[in-house]
């Protein structure tokens, strides 16, 4: 595996009985690198606007890649990854569901502000 295999799902938070967004991916496994959840937690604690509201996050058991232990064909070193999930309150919309270009540009603008 050389990519992060990111997938996203609308999921049910059983504690609150509400729909949330669950992102499932393989994150780079480096001690000094913050996880997406750690970054969101800091942004949420500092009341930064236009960023998702973290519900929870964490590694999925001890699932780790082993491909970094083998030489790659193009001699570029591969990094170790861990299976990781992050859940946020906000559920986005597919790009083809925006009414017009202005609506999409406003969303991108809010992302840049965040």
Protein backbone atom coordinates (compact mmCIF):
# COMPACT_ATOMS: atom_id res chain seq x y z
CA UNK A 1 0.00 0.00 0.00
CA UNK A 2 1.42 3.38 -0.95
CA UNK A 3 -1.65 5.63 -0.57
CA UNK A 4 -3.83 6.51 2.36
CA UNK A 5 -6.98 4.76 1.07
CA UNK A 6 -9.18 7.52 2.47
CA UNK A 7 -12.92 6.83 2.56
CA UNK A 8 -15.74 8.82 4.09
CA UNK A 9 -19.10 7.75 5.47
CA UNK A 10 -22.19 9.22 7.03
CA UNK A 11 -22.49 7.30 10.30
CA UNK A 12 -24.81 7.15 13.30
CA UNK A 13 -23.40 8.34 16.63
CA UNK A 14 -25.20 5.97 19.00
CA UNK A 15 -24.53 8.14 22.08
CA UNK A 16 -26.27 11.23 20.65
CA UNK A 17 -28.48 9.41 18.12
CA UNK A 18 -27.38 11.84 15.39
CA UNK A 19 -25.72 11.51 12.01
CA UNK A 20 -22.00 12.38 11.82
CA UNK A 21 -19.19 12.13 9.26
CA UNK A 22 -16.61 9.36 9.69
CA UNK A 23 -13.31 9.55 7.81
CA UNK A 24 -11.40 6.27 7.55
CA UNK A 25 -7.79 6.44 6.35
CA UNK A 26 -4.21 5.36 6.88
CA UNK A 27 -2.25 8.18 8.53
CA UNK A 28 1.52 8.61 8.42
CA UNK A 29 2.87 6.97 11.58
CA UNK A 30 5.39 9.49 12.95
CA UNK A 31 5.69 10.42 16.63
CA UNK A 32 6.17 14.13 16.05
CA UNK A 33 3.29 14.44 13.55
CA UNK A 34 -0.08 15.52 14.96
CA UNK A 35 -3.12 13.51 13.92
CA UNK A 36 -6.02 15.25 12.21
CA UNK A 37 -8.05 14.82 15.39
CA UNK A 38 -5.37 16.50 17.52
CA UNK A 39 -5.32 19.47 15.14
CA UNK A 40 -9.13 19.74 15.12
CA UNK A 41 -9.22 19.47 18.94
CA UNK A 42 -6.82 22.43 19.23
CA UNK A 43 -8.73 24.48 16.68
CA UNK A 44 -12.06 23.71 18.41
CA UNK A 45 -10.64 24.62 21.86
CA UNK A 46 -9.47 27.95 20.43
CA UNK A 47 -12.89 28.62 18.86
CA UNK A 48 -11.52 28.85 15.32
CA UNK A 49 -14.40 29.41 12.89
CA UNK A 50 -15.05 27.35 9.77
CA UNK A 51 -13.40 24.11 10.90
CA UNK A 52 -15.18 20.80 11.60
CA UNK A 53 -16.30 20.00 15.14
CA UNK A 54 -14.42 16.95 16.41
CA UNK A 55 -16.53 14.18 17.94
CA UNK A 56 -13.78 11.57 18.40
CA UNK A 57 -10.73 10.06 16.73
CA UNK A 58 -8.22 7.29 17.15
CA UNK A 59 -6.15 4.51 15.69
CA UNK A 60 -7.90 1.29 14.74
CA UNK A 61 -6.31 -1.28 17.02
CA UNK A 62 -2.70 -2.00 16.15
CA UNK A 63 -3.23 -2.05 12.39
CA UNK A 64 0.02 -0.85 10.75
CA UNK A 65 1.55 -1.16 7.32
CA UNK A 66 4.58 -3.30 6.58
CA UNK A 67 5.35 -2.04 3.05
CA UNK A 68 7.92 0.41 4.40
CA UNK A 69 10.05 -2.60 5.36
CA UNK A 70 10.57 -3.57 1.70
CA UNK A 71 12.51 -1.72 -1.01
CA UNK A 72 10.41 0.18 -3.54
CA UNK A 73 11.02 0.05 -7.29
CA UNK A 74 11.65 3.79 -7.66
CA UNK A 75 13.99 3.86 -4.62
CA UNK A 76 11.80 6.43 -2.84
CA UNK A 77 11.43 5.35 0.80
CA UNK A 78 7.92 4.43 1.90
CA UNK A 79 6.58 5.69 5.21
CA UNK A 80 4.86 3.61 7.86
CA UNK A 81 1.10 4.17 8.21
CA UNK A 82 -1.52 3.35 10.85
CA UNK A 83 -5.21 2.73 10.33
CA UNK A 84 -7.01 5.80 11.70
CA UNK A 85 -10.52 7.19 11.98
CA UNK A 86 -11.81 10.66 12.78
CA UNK A 87 -15.46 11.63 13.35
CA UNK A 88 -16.83 15.18 13.00
CA UNK A 89 -20.29 16.67 13.48
CA UNK A 90 -20.56 18.33 10.08
CA UNK A 91 -21.60 16.32 7.03
CA UNK A 92 -20.52 17.76 3.69
CA UNK A 93 -22.14 17.56 0.28
CA UNK A 94 -20.78 16.08 -2.93
CA UNK A 95 -19.41 18.68 -5.36
CA UNK A 96 -22.09 17.91 -7.94
CA UNK A 97 -24.84 18.88 -5.47
CA UNK A 98 -23.89 22.57 -5.23
CA UNK A 99 -26.51 24.83 -6.80
CA UNK A 100 -23.98 27.04 -8.57
CA UNK A 101 -20.35 28.12 -8.69
CA UNK A 102 -20.96 30.93 -6.18
CA UNK A 103 -22.09 28.48 -3.50
CA UNK A 104 -18.97 26.37 -4.05
CA UNK A 105 -16.68 29.43 -3.96
CA UNK A 106 -18.25 30.53 -0.65
CA UNK A 107 -17.49 27.13 0.84
CA UNK A 108 -13.88 27.28 -0.38
CA UNK A 109 -13.62 30.81 1.07
CA UNK A 110 -14.80 29.56 4.47
CA UNK A 111 -12.23 26.74 4.30
CA UNK A 112 -9.49 29.28 3.65
CA UNK A 113 -10.66 31.38 6.61
CA UNK A 114 -10.50 28.31 8.83
